[in-house]
Amino acid sequence: MFYKGRIDLGSEEAAADYANGKFPAVMGTQPMPVLDTDDERYDWCNHYACFGIGRVDFTNDPIVIQYDVYRYYATPFAEN
């Protein structure tokens, strides 16, 4: 499994601060985990797309990352 995703910093100034190691107290995050396996027992994982909605709280030590992950599956189209 690997993750891609987005974070919502709110402004260009906040993005510049983030790039320089100055983090906001709390920010939103949208992870997109990808499940990929060659193991036949878990082949069903290869057919789902996943996304998450959550937040990162920099006010705690260690940093707290919380999100819910959802999966969706598109059924094949009929051939007619």
PDB file of N, CA and C in Angstrom:
ATOM      1  N   MET A   1       0.855  -1.161   0.000  1.00  0.00           N
ATOM      2  CA  MET A   1       0.000   0.000   0.000  1.00  0.00           C
ATOM      3  C   MET A   1       0.898   1.218   0.000  1.00  0.00           C
ATOM      4  N   PHE A   2       0.503   2.211  -0.749  1.00  0.00           N
ATOM      5  CA  PHE A   2       1.190   3.489  -0.697  1.00  0.00           C
ATOM      6  C   PHE A   2       0.149   4.598  -0.723  1.00  0.00           C
ATOM      7  N   TYR A   3       0.565   5.769  -0.327  1.00  0.00           N
ATOM      8  CA  TYR A   3      -0.350   6.897  -0.198  1.00  0.00           C
ATOM      9  C   TYR A   3       0.084   8.044  -1.078  1.00  0.00           C
ATOM     10  N   LYS A   4      -0.892   8.684  -1.656  1.00  0.00           N
ATOM     11  CA  LYS A   4      -0.751  10.001  -2.235  1.00  0.00           C
ATOM     12  C   LYS A   4      -1.824  10.820  -1.544  1.00  0.00           C
ATOM     13  N   GLY A   5      -1.813  12.097  -1.738  1.00  0.00           N
ATOM     14  CA  GLY A   5      -2.861  12.869  -1.114  1.00  0.00           C
ATOM     15  C   GLY A   5      -2.635  14.358  -1.257  1.00  0.00           C
ATOM     16  N   ARG A   6      -3.496  15.096  -0.601  1.00  0.00           N
ATOM     17  CA  ARG A   6      -3.445  16.558  -0.636  1.00  0.00           C
ATOM     18  C   ARG A   6      -3.609  17.091   0.769  1.00  0.00           C
ATOM     19  N   ILE A   7      -3.033  18.252   0.973  1.00  0.00           N
ATOM     20  CA  ILE A   7      -3.270  18.971   2.214  1.00  0.00           C
ATOM     21  C   ILE A   7      -3.809  20.338   1.856  1.00  0.00           C
ATOM     22  N   ASP A   8      -4.641  20.869   2.694  1.00  0.00           N
ATOM     23  CA  ASP A   8      -5.255  22.172   2.450  1.00  0.00           C
ATOM     24  C   ASP A   8      -4.628  23.188   3.397  1.00  0.00           C
ATOM     25  N   LEU A   9      -3.746  24.038   2.867  1.00  0.00           N
ATOM     26  CA  LEU A   9      -3.081  25.040   3.689  1.00  0.00           C
ATOM     27  C   LEU A   9      -3.807  26.377   3.683  1.00  0.00           C
ATOM     28  N   GLY A  10      -4.705  26.571   2.756  1.00  0.00           N
ATOM     29  CA  GLY A  10      -5.567  27.745   2.784  1.00  0.00           C
ATOM     30  C   GLY A  10      -5.093  28.963   2.016  1.00  0.00           C
ATOM     31  N   SER A  11      -3.769  29.156   1.870  1.00  0.00           N
ATOM     32  CA  SER A  11      -3.281  30.338   1.152  1.00  0.00           C
ATOM     33  C   SER A  11      -1.846  30.098   0.681  1.00  0.00           C
ATOM     34  N   GLU A  12      -1.383  30.958  -0.239  1.00  0.00           N
ATOM     35  CA  GLU A  12      -0.003  30.865  -0.716  1.00  0.00           C
ATOM     36  C   GLU A  12       0.979  31.185   0.411  1.00  0.00           C
ATOM     37  N   GLU A  13       0.620  32.120   1.264  1.00  0.00           N
ATOM     38  CA  GLU A  13       1.477  32.468   2.408  1.00  0.00           C
ATOM     39  C   GLU A  13       1.639  31.265   3.340  1.00  0.00           C
ATOM     40  N   ALA A  14       0.530  30.575   3.617  1.00  0.00           N
ATOM     41  CA  ALA A  14       0.580  29.389   4.476  1.00  0.00           C
ATOM     42  C   ALA A  14       1.400  28.285   3.818  1.00  0.00           C
ATOM     43  N   ALA A  15       1.311  28.159   2.493  1.00  0.00           N
ATOM     44  CA  ALA A  15       2.101  27.152   1.771  1.00  0.00           C
ATOM     45  C   ALA A  15       3.593  27.468   1.876  1.00  0.00           C
ATOM     46  N   ALA A  16       3.951  28.744   1.766  1.00  0.00           N
ATOM     47  CA  ALA A  16       5.356  29.151   1.910  1.00  0.00           C
ATOM     48  C   ALA A  16       5.849  28.873   3.332  1.00  0.00           C
ATOM     49  N   ASP A  17       5.018  29.183   4.332  1.00  0.00           N
ATOM     50  CA  ASP A  17       5.380  28.891   5.724  1.00  0.00           C
ATOM     51  C   ASP A  17       5.611  27.395   5.910  1.00  0.00           C
ATOM     52  N   TYR A  18       4.716  26.585   5.370  1.00  0.00           N
ATOM     53  CA  TYR A  18       4.816  25.123   5.482  1.00  0.00           C
ATOM     54  C   TYR A  18       6.118  24.629   4.861  1.00  0.00           C
ATOM     55  N   ALA A  19       6.444  25.161   3.689  1.00  0.00           N
ATOM     56  CA  ALA A  19       7.678  24.755   2.998  1.00  0.00           C
ATOM     57  C   ALA A  19       8.920  25.115   3.824  1.00  0.00           C
ATOM     58  N   ASN A  20       8.802  26.129   4.678  1.00  0.00           N
ATOM     59  CA  ASN A  20       9.919  26.566   5.516  1.00  0.00           C
ATOM     60  C   ASN A  20       9.865  25.996   6.929  1.00  0.00           C
ATOM     61  N   GLY A  21       8.987  25.002   7.140  1.00  0.00           N
ATOM     62  CA  GLY A  21       8.937  24.331   8.431  1.00  0.00           C
ATOM     63  C   GLY A  21       8.076  24.999   9.484  1.00  0.00           C
ATOM     64  N   LYS A  22       7.294  25.988   9.092  1.00  0.00           N
ATOM     65  CA  LYS A  22       6.366  26.651  10.017  1.00  0.00           C
ATOM     66  C   LYS A  22       4.968  26.101   9.726  1.00  0.00           C
ATOM     67  N   PHE A  23       4.457  25.288  10.652  1.00  0.00           N
ATOM     68  CA  PHE A  23       3.215  24.580  10.406  1.00  0.00           C
ATOM     69  C   PHE A  23       2.028  25.260  11.081  1.00  0.00           C
ATOM     70  N   PRO A  24       0.833  25.173  10.468  1.00  0.00           N
ATOM     71  CA  PRO A  24      -0.370  25.693  11.114  1.00  0.00           C
ATOM     72  C   PRO A  24      -0.737  24.801  12.303  1.00  0.00           C
ATOM     73  N   ALA A  25      -1.588  25.289  13.179  1.00  0.00           N
ATOM     74  CA  ALA A  25      -2.018  24.478  14.324  1.00  0.00           C
ATOM     75  C   ALA A  25      -2.731  23.210  13.846  1.00  0.00           C
ATOM     76  N   VAL A  26      -3.653  23.370  12.897  1.00  0.00           N
ATOM     77  CA  VAL A  26      -4.443  22.257  12.363  1.00  0.00           C
ATOM     78  C   VAL A  26      -4.644  22.494  10.873  1.00  0.00           C
ATOM     79  N   MET A  27      -4.617  21.426  10.101  1.00  0.00           N
ATOM     80  CA  MET A  27      -4.909  21.552   8.670  1.00  0.00           C
ATOM     81  C   MET A  27      -5.652  20.312   8.195  1.00  0.00           C
ATOM     82  N   GLY A  28      -6.367  20.457   7.094  1.00  0.00           N
ATOM     83  CA  GLY A  28      -7.091  19.342   6.507  1.00  0.00           C
ATOM     84  C   GLY A  28      -6.173  18.484   5.653  1.00  0.00           C
ATOM     85  N   THR A  29      -6.523  17.224   5.504  1.00  0.00           N
ATOM     86  CA  THR A  29      -5.767  16.318   4.636  1.00  0.00           C
ATOM     87  C   THR A  29      -6.729  15.394   3.906  1.00  0.00           C
ATOM     88  N   GLN A  30      -6.377  15.048   2.682  1.00  0.00           N
ATOM     89  CA  GLN A  30      -7.178  14.135   1.878  1.00  0.00           C
ATOM     90  C   GLN A  30      -6.272  13.030   1.339  1.00  0.00           C
ATOM     91  N   PRO A  31      -5.998  11.983   2.147  1.00  0.00           N
ATOM     92  CA  PRO A  31      -5.146  10.895   1.667  1.00  0.00           C
ATOM     93  C   PRO A  31      -5.858  10.032   0.633  1.00  0.00           C
ATOM     94  N   MET A  32      -5.077   9.449  -0.252  1.00  0.00           N
ATOM     95  CA  MET A  32      -5.613   8.544  -1.271  1.00  0.00           C
ATOM     96  C   MET A  32      -4.775   7.273  -1.285  1.00  0.00           C
ATOM     97  N   PRO A  33      -5.044   6.344  -0.346  1.00  0.00           N
ATOM     98  CA  PRO A  33      -4.257   5.109  -0.313  1.00  0.00           C
ATOM     99  C   PRO A  33      -4.545   4.234  -1.536  1.00  0.00           C
ATOM    100  N   VAL A  34      -3.496   3.594  -2.022  1.00  0.00           N
ATOM    101  CA  VAL A  34      -3.613   2.679  -3.154  1.00  0.00           C
ATOM    102  C   VAL A  34      -3.238   1.280  -2.665  1.00  0.00           C
ATOM    103  N   LEU A  35      -4.148   0.351  -2.833  1.00  0.00           N
ATOM    104  CA  LEU A  35      -3.912  -1.039  -2.454  1.00  0.00           C
ATOM    105  C   LEU A  35      -3.485  -1.792  -3.703  1.00  0.00           C
ATOM    106  N   ASP A  36      -2.357  -2.475  -3.626  1.00  0.00           N
ATOM    107  CA  ASP A  36      -1.816  -3.158  -4.801  1.00  0.00           C
ATOM    108  C   ASP A  36      -1.117  -4.433  -4.329  1.00  0.00           C
ATOM    109  N   THR A  37      -1.608  -5.583  -4.764  1.00  0.00           N
ATOM    110  CA  THR A  37      -1.027  -6.849  -4.304  1.00  0.00           C
ATOM    111  C   THR A  37      -0.974  -7.874  -5.425  1.00  0.00           C
ATOM    112  N   ASP A  38       0.030  -8.740  -5.355  1.00  0.00           N
ATOM    113  CA  ASP A  38       0.128  -9.883  -6.269  1.00  0.00           C
ATOM    114  C   ASP A  38      -0.414 -11.161  -5.628  1.00  0.00           C
ATOM    115  N   ASP A  39      -0.752 -11.084  -4.354  1.00  0.00           N
ATOM    116  CA  ASP A  39      -1.252 -12.247  -3.625  1.00  0.00           C
ATOM    117  C   ASP A  39      -2.698 -12.512  -4.038  1.00  0.00           C
ATOM    118  N   GLU A  40      -2.963 -13.678  -4.594  1.00  0.00           N
ATOM    119  CA  GLU A  40      -4.306 -14.000  -5.098  1.00  0.00           C
ATOM    120  C   GLU A  40      -5.374 -13.924  -4.016  1.00  0.00           C
ATOM    121  N   ARG A  41      -5.002 -14.164  -2.762  1.00  0.00           N
ATOM    122  CA  ARG A  41      -5.981 -14.093  -1.665  1.00  0.00           C
ATOM    123  C   ARG A  41      -6.528 -12.681  -1.489  1.00  0.00           C
ATOM    124  N   TYR A  42      -5.749 -11.696  -1.883  1.00  0.00           N
ATOM    125  CA  TYR A  42      -6.156 -10.298  -1.682  1.00  0.00           C
ATOM    126  C   TYR A  42      -6.353  -9.557  -3.000  1.00  0.00           C
ATOM    127  N   ASP A  43      -6.587 -10.306  -4.068  1.00  0.00           N
ATOM    128  CA  ASP A  43      -6.788  -9.682  -5.378  1.00  0.00           C
ATOM    129  C   ASP A  43      -7.948  -8.687  -5.366  1.00  0.00           C
ATOM    130  N   TRP A  44      -8.944  -8.928  -4.533  1.00  0.00           N
ATOM    131  CA  TRP A  44     -10.099  -8.033  -4.459  1.00  0.00           C
ATOM    132  C   TRP A  44      -9.658  -6.602  -4.123  1.00  0.00           C
ATOM    133  N   CYS A  45      -8.544  -6.443  -3.408  1.00  0.00           N
ATOM    134  CA  CYS A  45      -8.046  -5.104  -3.056  1.00  0.00           C
ATOM    135  C   CYS A  45      -7.651  -4.301  -4.293  1.00  0.00           C
ATOM    136  N   ASN A  46      -7.202  -4.988  -5.327  1.00  0.00           N
ATOM    137  CA  ASN A  46      -6.743  -4.314  -6.541  1.00  0.00           C
ATOM    138  C   ASN A  46      -7.877  -3.667  -7.327  1.00  0.00           C
ATOM    139  N   HIS A  47      -9.115  -3.957  -6.963  1.00  0.00           N
ATOM    140  CA  HIS A  47     -10.266  -3.478  -7.726  1.00  0.00           C
ATOM    141  C   HIS A  47     -10.966  -2.287  -7.082  1.00  0.00           C
ATOM    142  N   TYR A  48     -10.439  -1.810  -5.976  1.00  0.00           N
ATOM    143  CA  TYR A  48     -11.063  -0.689  -5.269  1.00  0.00           C
ATOM    144  C   TYR A  48     -10.225   0.578  -5.389  1.00  0.00           C
ATOM    145  N   ALA A  49     -10.902   1.678  -5.379  1.00  0.00           N
ATOM    146  CA  ALA A  49     -10.249   2.981  -5.251  1.00  0.00           C
ATOM    147  C   ALA A  49     -10.612   3.500  -3.863  1.00  0.00           C
ATOM    148  N   CYS A  50      -9.674   4.158  -3.221  1.00  0.00           N
ATOM    149  CA  CYS A  50      -9.897   4.635  -1.851  1.00  0.00           C
ATOM    150  C   CYS A  50      -9.603   6.128  -1.745  1.00  0.00           C
ATOM    151  N   PHE A  51     -10.248   6.765  -0.803  1.00  0.00           N
ATOM    152  CA  PHE A  51      -9.962   8.157  -0.503  1.00  0.00           C
ATOM    153  C   PHE A  51     -10.228   8.389   0.976  1.00  0.00           C
ATOM    154  N   GLY A  52      -9.620   9.416   1.510  1.00  0.00           N
ATOM    155  CA  GLY A  52      -9.803   9.723   2.915  1.00  0.00           C
ATOM    156  C   GLY A  52     -10.090  11.199   3.132  1.00  0.00           C
ATOM    157  N   ILE A  53     -10.646  11.492   4.297  1.00  0.00           N
ATOM    158  CA  ILE A  53     -10.928  12.869   4.705  1.00  0.00           C
ATOM    159  C   ILE A  53     -10.487  12.983   6.152  1.00  0.00           C
ATOM    160  N   GLY A  54      -9.652  13.972   6.440  1.00  0.00           N
ATOM    161  CA  GLY A  54      -9.182  14.061   7.810  1.00  0.00           C
ATOM    162  C   GLY A  54      -8.486  15.356   8.143  1.00  0.00           C
ATOM    163  N   ARG A  55      -7.676  15.307   9.221  1.00  0.00           N
ATOM    164  CA  ARG A  55      -6.997  16.494   9.708  1.00  0.00           C
ATOM    165  C   ARG A  55      -5.677  16.108  10.359  1.00  0.00           C
ATOM    166  N   VAL A  56      -4.764  17.070  10.358  1.00  0.00           N
ATOM    167  CA  VAL A  56      -3.474  16.929  11.014  1.00  0.00           C
ATOM    168  C   VAL A  56      -3.416  17.999  12.101  1.00  0.00           C
ATOM    169  N   ASP A  57      -3.113  17.581  13.323  1.00  0.00           N
ATOM    170  CA  ASP A  57      -3.046  18.501  14.466  1.00  0.00           C
ATOM    171  C   ASP A  57      -1.589  18.616  14.910  1.00  0.00           C
ATOM    172  N   PHE A  58      -0.994  19.774  14.632  1.00  0.00           N
ATOM    173  CA  PHE A  58       0.406  20.010  14.974  1.00  0.00           C
ATOM    174  C   PHE A  58       0.587  20.496  16.406  1.00  0.00           C
ATOM    175  N   THR A  59      -0.511  20.696  17.156  1.00  0.00           N
ATOM    176  CA  THR A  59      -0.385  21.220  18.519  1.00  0.00           C
ATOM    177  C   THR A  59      -0.002  20.139  19.518  1.00  0.00           C
ATOM    178  N   ASN A  60      -0.063  18.873  19.119  1.00  0.00           N
ATOM    179  CA  ASN A  60       0.304  17.761  19.997  1.00  0.00           C
ATOM    180  C   ASN A  60       1.712  17.276  19.686  1.00  0.00           C
ATOM    181  N   ASP A  61       2.336  16.658  20.670  1.00  0.00           N
ATOM    182  CA  ASP A  61       3.631  16.037  20.464  1.00  0.00           C
ATOM    183  C   ASP A  61       3.540  14.600  20.957  1.00  0.00           C
ATOM    184  N   PRO A  62       3.512  13.615  20.090  1.00  0.00           N
ATOM    185  CA  PRO A  62       3.742  13.706  18.651  1.00  0.00           C
ATOM    186  C   PRO A  62       2.518  14.254  17.900  1.00  0.00           C
ATOM    187  N   ILE A  63       2.754  14.642  16.665  1.00  0.00           N
ATOM    188  CA  ILE A  63       1.695  15.158  15.794  1.00  0.00           C
ATOM    189  C   ILE A  63       0.589  14.106  15.672  1.00  0.00           C
ATOM    190  N   VAL A  64      -0.674  14.549  15.673  1.00  0.00           N
ATOM    191  CA  VAL A  64      -1.812  13.641  15.550  1.00  0.00           C
ATOM    192  C   VAL A  64      -2.408  13.767  14.149  1.00  0.00           C
ATOM    193  N   ILE A  65      -2.489  12.642  13.457  1.00  0.00           N
ATOM    194  CA  ILE A  65      -3.101  12.588  12.127  1.00  0.00           C
ATOM    195  C   ILE A  65      -4.305  11.670  12.236  1.00  0.00           C
ATOM    196  N   GLN A  66      -5.478  12.205  11.888  1.00  0.00           N
ATOM    197  CA  GLN A  66      -6.720  11.426  11.949  1.00  0.00           C
ATOM    198  C   GLN A  66      -7.436  11.547  10.622  1.00  0.00           C
ATOM    199  N   TYR A  67      -7.905  10.421  10.102  1.00  0.00           N
ATOM    200  CA  TYR A  67      -8.733  10.477   8.897  1.00  0.00           C
ATOM    201  C   TYR A  67      -9.552   9.210   8.773  1.00  0.00           C
ATOM    202  N   ASP A  68     -10.640   9.341   8.072  1.00  0.00           N
ATOM    203  CA  ASP A  68     -11.487   8.212   7.726  1.00  0.00           C
ATOM    204  C   ASP A  68     -11.177   7.846   6.277  1.00  0.00           C
ATOM    205  N   VAL A  69     -11.109   6.560   5.992  1.00  0.00           N
ATOM    206  CA  VAL A  69     -10.844   6.089   4.634  1.00  0.00           C
ATOM    207  C   VAL A  69     -12.081   5.378   4.112  1.00  0.00           C
ATOM    208  N   TYR A  70     -12.415   5.683   2.866  1.00  0.00           N
ATOM    209  CA  TYR A  70     -13.577   5.086   2.203  1.00  0.00           C
ATOM    210  C   TYR A  70     -13.100   4.390   0.931  1.00  0.00           C
ATOM    211  N   ARG A  71     -13.819   3.366   0.544  1.00  0.00           N
ATOM    212  CA  ARG A  71     -13.513   2.692  -0.707  1.00  0.00           C
ATOM    213  C   ARG A  71     -14.733   2.774  -1.615  1.00  0.00           C
ATOM    214  N   TYR A  72     -14.465   2.772  -2.886  1.00  0.00           N
ATOM    215  CA  TYR A  72     -15.567   2.680  -3.829  1.00  0.00           C
ATOM    216  C   TYR A  72     -15.151   1.764  -4.974  1.00  0.00           C
ATOM    217  N   TYR A  73     -16.154   1.208  -5.598  1.00  0.00           N
ATOM    218  CA  TYR A  73     -15.930   0.236  -6.667  1.00  0.00           C
ATOM    219  C   TYR A  73     -16.934   0.527  -7.766  1.00  0.00           C
ATOM    220  N   ALA A  74     -16.442   0.694  -8.966  1.00  0.00           N
ATOM    221  CA  ALA A  74     -17.309   0.917 -10.117  1.00  0.00           C
ATOM    222  C   ALA A  74     -17.619  -0.431 -10.760  1.00  0.00           C
ATOM    223  N   THR A  75     -18.883  -0.731 -10.887  1.00  0.00           N
ATOM    224  CA  THR A  75     -19.251  -2.002 -11.516  1.00  0.00           C
ATOM    225  C   THR A  75     -19.028  -1.895 -13.038  1.00  0.00           C
ATOM    226  N   PRO A  76     -18.646  -2.989 -13.664  1.00  0.00           N
ATOM    227  CA  PRO A  76     -18.418  -2.962 -15.114  1.00  0.00           C
ATOM    228  C   PRO A  76     -19.683  -2.558 -15.877  1.00  0.00           C
ATOM    229  N   PHE A  77     -19.495  -1.876 -16.992  1.00  0.00           N
ATOM    230  CA  PHE A  77     -20.627  -1.504 -17.837  1.00  0.00           C
ATOM    231  C   PHE A  77     -21.137  -2.744 -18.584  1.00  0.00           C
ATOM    232  N   ALA A  78     -22.419  -2.744 -18.844  1.00  0.00           N
ATOM    233  CA  ALA A  78     -23.002  -3.806 -19.664  1.00  0.00           C
ATOM    234  C   ALA A  78     -22.497  -3.658 -21.099  1.00  0.00           C
ATOM    235  N   GLU A  79     -22.355  -4.754 -21.794  1.00  0.00           N
ATOM    236  CA  GLU A  79     -21.807  -4.711 -23.160  1.00  0.00           C
ATOM    237  C   GLU A  79     -22.860  -4.428 -24.213  1.00  0.00           C
ATOM    238  N   ASN A  80     -24.100  -4.247 -23.853  1.00  0.00           N
ATOM    239  CA  ASN A  80     -25.132  -4.032 -24.872  1.00  0.00           C
ATOM    240  C   ASN A  80     -25.303  -2.606 -25.247  1.00  0.00           C
TER     241      ASN A  80
END
